[in-house]
Amino acid sequence: MKSNRERRPRRKERDCMTESRTAQPIGENEFSCTFTAGDRVFEEGQPGNEMFIIQTGQVEILIKIDGEEHRLTLLEEGDFFGEMAILEDLPRTAAARAATDCTLVRIDRGTFDQLVKNDPEIAIRMLRKLSFRLREAGPTLLDGVAEAPVQQREVQERAELAPRGAVTGKPRLVCPDTDMEAPLSSSGITTIGRFDSSTGLHPTIDLKPLDHKRSTSRRHAVIEEREGVFFVRDEVGAANGTFVNGARLEPGASVEIVHEDTLHFGLVKMEFRVD
């Protein structure tokens, strides 16, 4: 087996533990608002000209079916909602209610542009959310599938983290700090990140149980298999970077990985194994 240095060109080494991106102020019109559990943030059908990002706590999104409210999804810290009011200037298509005591950042149209510039990951997540809605609604538009609960819509293959030794004979990622591991997708495409409640999209490998500092993006990286050779790609818009043996990948760039390579997704350390 060729060494890692023979397989790819040398890159400038960086300390992956110091690459965390610091949040920047968005603007003077940005402000926080607090809600207690059970408070309504907005109602279905109301006009709206602002979106919200959850700083602390949880918010549930509700829709009415035959006069009764049903939970569409439960959002948590870092998730956003209400963005369609800014993008399309249409009435709210669902209601939002504080599931716990929470603090929200209110973003109006005047500060939305600055938000996108300072935090491109938000814009990328919005595009993925809209893309997912279009893909799912296209073949079954008349059936109203776009209004189905998130957990019913999601069908992407997922790999659960398990104790080391539970996965044998498959390419996998192993966390040396916790002795947890997860197999790569049999489809040849493995997405890595954290579940995104705002979009309803799951990565193949959800690092949330390992990422207590929330250093990984919702869709952080992709590992692709091409004729038995594996490549890792840092996703555009991902915060805090993807690293192979300490070298940071350029956004959107792919690098070949081999057995026992060390990968960092943000601050989460994993080892690639193919034995």
Protein backbone atom coordinates (compact mmCIF):
# COMPACT_ATOMS: atom_id res chain seq x y z
CA MET A 1 0.00 0.00 0.00
CA LYS A 2 1.38 3.43 -0.98
CA SER A 3 2.01 5.93 1.75
CA ASN A 4 -0.18 9.00 2.13
CA ARG A 5 2.68 11.27 1.04
CA GLU A 6 3.05 9.37 -2.23
CA ARG A 7 -0.66 9.56 -3.00
CA ARG A 8 -1.19 13.31 -2.71
CA PRO A 9 0.89 16.49 -2.96
CA ARG A 10 2.18 18.10 0.21
CA ARG A 11 0.04 20.84 1.67
CA LYS A 12 0.80 23.54 4.15
CA GLU A 13 0.22 22.11 7.63
CA ARG A 14 -2.24 23.86 9.94
CA ASP A 15 -3.24 23.21 13.48
CA CYS A 16 -6.84 22.04 13.07
CA MET A 17 -7.62 22.80 16.70
CA THR A 18 -7.22 26.55 16.11
CA GLU A 19 -9.35 26.94 12.99
CA SER A 20 -12.72 27.63 14.65
CA ARG A 21 -14.54 30.54 13.04
CA THR A 22 -15.66 33.32 15.34
CA ALA A 23 -19.19 34.61 14.86
CA GLN A 24 -19.35 38.21 13.66
CA PRO A 25 -21.98 40.87 14.49
CA ILE A 26 -24.63 41.09 11.80
CA GLY A 27 -25.79 44.68 12.19
CA GLU A 28 -27.47 47.27 14.36
CA ASN A 29 -30.99 46.02 13.54
CA GLU A 30 -30.28 42.52 14.78
CA PHE A 31 -31.65 41.88 18.26
CA SER A 32 -32.58 39.05 20.56
CA CYS A 33 -36.03 38.27 21.88
CA THR A 34 -37.03 35.78 24.55
CA PHE A 35 -40.04 33.48 24.76
CA THR A 36 -41.26 31.18 27.51
CA ALA A 37 -42.41 27.63 26.79
CA GLY A 38 -45.80 27.70 25.07
CA ASP A 39 -45.49 31.27 23.72
CA ARG A 40 -46.43 31.75 20.07
CA VAL A 41 -43.69 33.29 17.93
CA PHE A 42 -46.03 33.76 14.96
CA GLU A 43 -49.24 32.26 13.58
CA GLU A 44 -49.98 30.45 10.34
CA GLY A 45 -51.36 32.87 7.75
CA GLN A 46 -49.90 35.98 9.39
CA PRO A 47 -47.92 38.42 7.25
CA GLY A 48 -44.23 38.44 8.09
CA ASN A 49 -41.10 40.37 7.21
CA GLU A 50 -38.52 38.71 9.46
CA MET A 51 -36.88 35.36 10.15
CA PHE A 52 -35.45 33.91 13.34
CA ILE A 53 -32.33 32.01 14.42
CA ILE A 54 -32.46 30.04 17.67
CA GLN A 55 -29.77 31.04 20.16
CA THR A 56 -30.99 28.85 23.02
CA GLY A 57 -33.89 26.49 23.58
CA GLN A 58 -36.25 24.77 21.14
CA VAL A 59 -39.06 25.89 18.82
CA GLU A 60 -41.72 23.69 17.22
CA ILE A 61 -43.19 24.40 13.80
CA LEU A 62 -46.92 23.62 13.55
CA ILE A 63 -49.36 23.26 10.67
CA LYS A 64 -53.13 22.87 10.70
CA ILE A 65 -54.72 19.77 9.16
CA ASP A 66 -58.52 19.55 9.29
CA GLY A 67 -58.56 22.28 11.92
CA GLU A 68 -56.07 20.56 14.25
CA GLU A 69 -52.46 21.59 14.75
CA HIS A 70 -49.75 19.03 14.11
CA ARG A 71 -46.02 19.36 14.76
CA LEU A 72 -44.05 19.56 11.53
CA THR A 73 -40.62 19.59 13.13
CA LEU A 74 -38.73 20.55 16.30
CA LEU A 75 -35.91 23.06 15.91
CA GLU A 76 -32.99 23.67 18.26
CA GLU A 77 -29.99 25.94 18.81
CA GLY A 78 -28.48 27.11 15.51
CA ASP A 79 -31.58 26.33 13.44
CA PHE A 80 -33.53 29.01 11.54
CA PHE A 81 -37.16 29.45 10.54
CA GLY A 82 -39.50 32.00 8.98
CA GLU A 83 -37.12 32.69 6.10
CA MET A 84 -39.81 32.40 3.42
CA ALA A 85 -41.38 35.65 4.64
CA ILE A 86 -38.16 37.46 3.72
CA LEU A 87 -37.54 35.60 0.47
CA GLU A 88 -41.08 35.69 -0.96
CA ASP A 89 -43.07 38.30 1.04
CA LEU A 90 -45.89 35.79 1.55
CA PRO A 91 -48.03 34.98 4.62
CA ARG A 92 -46.62 32.44 7.07
CA THR A 93 -47.25 28.87 5.88
CA ALA A 94 -46.96 27.46 9.42
CA ALA A 95 -47.05 28.58 13.04
CA ALA A 96 -44.08 28.67 15.41
CA ARG A 97 -44.33 28.01 19.17
CA ALA A 98 -41.65 27.95 21.86
CA ALA A 99 -41.27 24.32 22.96
CA THR A 100 -39.00 25.44 25.81
CA ASP A 101 -37.88 28.78 27.17
CA CYS A 102 -35.81 30.16 24.32
CA THR A 103 -33.87 33.13 22.98
CA LEU A 104 -34.19 34.00 19.30
CA VAL A 105 -32.29 36.37 17.04
CA ARG A 106 -34.74 38.36 14.92
CA ILE A 107 -33.50 39.14 11.37
CA ASP A 108 -35.37 41.62 9.20
CA ARG A 109 -34.86 42.35 5.52
CA GLY A 110 -32.43 45.15 6.31
CA THR A 111 -29.95 42.78 7.98
CA PHE A 112 -30.55 39.63 5.93
CA ASP A 113 -27.97 40.65 3.32
CA GLN A 114 -25.31 41.13 6.01
CA LEU A 115 -26.23 37.80 7.59
CA VAL A 116 -25.60 35.96 4.33
CA LYS A 117 -22.27 37.74 3.85
CA ASN A 118 -21.05 37.06 7.41
CA ASP A 119 -22.35 33.49 7.63
CA PRO A 120 -22.53 31.86 4.17
CA GLU A 121 -23.48 28.53 5.75
CA ILE A 122 -26.96 29.96 6.43
CA ALA A 123 -27.39 30.77 2.72
CA ILE A 124 -26.13 27.31 1.69
CA ARG A 125 -28.59 25.63 4.08
CA MET A 126 -31.46 27.71 2.68
CA LEU A 127 -30.56 26.67 -0.86
CA ARG A 128 -30.44 23.00 0.15
CA LYS A 129 -33.79 23.34 1.89
CA LEU A 130 -35.39 24.84 -1.22
CA SER A 131 -33.72 22.27 -3.47
CA PHE A 132 -35.02 19.43 -1.30
CA ARG A 133 -38.55 20.84 -1.39
CA LEU A 134 -38.45 21.07 -5.19
CA ARG A 135 -37.11 17.53 -5.60
CA GLU A 136 -39.70 15.99 -3.30
CA ALA A 137 -42.64 18.01 -4.57
CA GLY A 138 -41.93 17.55 -8.29
CA PRO A 139 -43.24 14.00 -8.91
CA THR A 140 -46.08 14.22 -6.37
CA LEU A 141 -47.08 17.85 -6.38
CA LEU A 142 -50.81 17.16 -6.27
CA ASP A 143 -50.42 14.82 -3.33
CA GLY A 144 -49.12 17.58 -1.07
CA VAL A 145 -46.01 15.66 -0.09
CA ALA A 146 -44.19 18.90 0.67
CA GLU A 147 -46.44 19.31 3.71
CA ALA A 148 -45.64 15.87 5.16
CA PRO A 149 -43.75 15.71 8.46
CA VAL A 150 -39.98 15.88 8.12
CA GLN A 151 -39.42 12.45 9.65
CA GLN A 152 -41.71 10.89 7.01
CA ARG A 153 -40.03 12.66 4.09
CA GLU A 154 -36.45 11.70 4.95
CA VAL A 155 -35.35 8.48 3.26
CA GLN A 156 -31.61 8.99 2.87
CA GLU A 157 -29.43 6.12 4.07
CA ARG A 158 -28.01 6.72 7.54
CA ALA A 159 -25.26 4.98 9.50
CA GLU A 160 -25.57 4.87 13.28
CA LEU A 161 -22.53 5.30 15.51
CA ALA A 162 -21.78 2.03 17.30
CA PRO A 163 -19.09 0.71 19.70
CA ARG A 164 -15.81 -0.20 18.02
CA GLY A 165 -15.90 -3.74 16.69
CA ALA A 166 -19.56 -3.61 15.72
CA VAL A 167 -18.63 -2.78 12.11
CA THR A 168 -16.43 -5.37 10.40
CA GLY A 169 -15.25 -5.77 6.85
CA LYS A 170 -16.49 -2.34 5.75
CA PRO A 171 -14.84 1.04 5.16
CA ARG A 172 -15.65 3.14 8.21
CA LEU A 173 -14.83 6.13 10.38
CA VAL A 174 -13.61 5.48 13.93
CA CYS A 175 -13.53 8.06 16.74
CA PRO A 176 -10.40 7.22 18.79
CA ASP A 177 -11.53 9.42 21.68
CA THR A 178 -14.77 7.50 22.26
CA ASP A 179 -14.17 4.13 20.52
CA MET A 180 -17.31 4.74 18.43
CA GLU A 181 -17.44 3.97 14.72
CA ALA A 182 -19.79 4.19 11.73
CA PRO A 183 -19.68 2.49 8.31
CA LEU A 184 -19.57 4.44 5.09
CA SER A 185 -22.61 4.29 2.83
CA SER A 186 -22.88 1.34 0.46
CA SER A 187 -24.01 3.82 -2.22
CA GLY A 188 -20.47 5.21 -2.51
CA ILE A 189 -21.49 8.67 -1.26
CA THR A 190 -21.28 9.37 2.49
CA THR A 191 -22.30 12.76 3.83
CA ILE A 192 -20.93 13.87 7.20
CA GLY A 193 -22.28 16.56 9.51
CA ARG A 194 -25.18 17.08 11.92
CA PHE A 195 -28.93 16.63 11.47
CA ASP A 196 -30.49 19.85 10.20
CA SER A 197 -33.92 20.39 11.72
CA SER A 198 -34.47 23.47 9.55
CA THR A 199 -34.16 21.50 6.29
CA GLY A 200 -35.12 18.03 7.53
CA LEU A 201 -31.95 16.58 6.00
CA HIS A 202 -29.87 13.92 7.72
CA PRO A 203 -26.21 13.30 6.93
CA THR A 204 -25.21 9.68 6.44
CA ILE A 205 -23.02 9.96 9.54
CA ASP A 206 -24.39 12.31 12.18
CA LEU A 207 -21.56 13.65 14.36
CA LYS A 208 -23.85 15.40 16.84
CA PRO A 209 -23.22 12.83 19.65
CA LEU A 210 -19.47 13.46 19.29
CA ASP A 211 -19.54 17.21 18.64
CA HIS A 212 -20.36 18.77 22.00
CA LYS A 213 -18.97 22.16 20.88
CA ARG A 214 -21.04 22.24 17.66
CA SER A 215 -17.93 22.76 15.56
CA THR A 216 -19.23 20.81 12.53
CA SER A 217 -21.66 22.18 10.01
CA ARG A 218 -24.98 20.54 9.23
CA ARG A 219 -23.47 19.28 5.97
CA HIS A 220 -19.76 19.41 6.59
CA ALA A 221 -18.01 16.97 4.25
CA VAL A 222 -18.52 14.12 1.79
CA ILE A 223 -16.55 10.88 1.39
CA GLU A 224 -16.86 9.40 -2.10
CA GLU A 225 -15.72 6.00 -3.34
CA ARG A 226 -14.53 5.83 -6.96
CA GLU A 227 -13.55 2.36 -8.19
CA GLY A 228 -12.27 1.33 -4.77
CA VAL A 229 -10.43 4.60 -4.07
CA PHE A 230 -11.78 6.98 -1.42
CA PHE A 231 -11.83 10.78 -1.49
CA VAL A 232 -12.98 13.29 1.11
CA ARG A 233 -14.38 16.68 0.09
CA ASP A 234 -14.92 19.75 2.25
CA GLU A 235 -18.39 21.12 1.54
CA VAL A 236 -18.82 24.72 0.39
CA GLY A 237 -20.06 26.85 3.28
CA ALA A 238 -18.86 24.45 6.01
CA ALA A 239 -17.49 26.17 9.10
CA ASN A 240 -14.22 25.24 10.84
CA GLY A 241 -12.83 23.15 8.02
CA THR A 242 -12.05 19.55 7.12
CA PHE A 243 -8.50 18.29 7.73
CA VAL A 244 -6.55 15.26 6.50
CA ASN A 245 -3.53 14.44 8.64
CA GLY A 246 -3.49 18.04 9.88
CA ALA A 247 -3.72 19.70 6.44
CA ARG A 248 -6.83 21.77 5.83
CA LEU A 249 -8.76 21.16 2.61
CA GLU A 250 -9.81 24.04 0.41
CA PRO A 251 -13.63 24.48 0.25
CA GLY A 252 -15.04 22.17 -2.41
CA ALA A 253 -11.69 20.39 -2.91
CA SER A 254 -11.33 16.57 -2.81
CA VAL A 255 -8.32 14.67 -1.45
CA GLU A 256 -7.66 10.95 -1.58
CA ILE A 257 -7.64 9.18 1.78
CA VAL A 258 -6.16 5.80 2.71
CA HIS A 259 -6.27 3.37 5.62
CA GLU A 260 -5.38 4.97 9.01
CA ASP A 261 -5.55 8.55 7.76
CA THR A 262 -6.62 10.96 10.49
CA LEU A 263 -9.51 13.26 9.62
CA HIS A 264 -10.85 16.24 11.53
CA PHE A 265 -14.34 17.58 10.85
CA GLY A 266 -14.22 20.83 12.80
CA LEU A 267 -13.00 19.67 16.20
CA VAL A 268 -14.18 16.07 15.81
CA LYS A 269 -11.30 13.65 15.25
CA MET A 270 -11.95 10.47 13.23
CA GLU A 271 -9.75 7.77 11.70
CA PHE A 272 -10.44 6.23 8.30
CA ARG A 273 -10.29 2.42 8.32
CA VAL A 274 -10.67 -0.08 5.48
CA ASP A 275 -9.39 -3.26 7.18
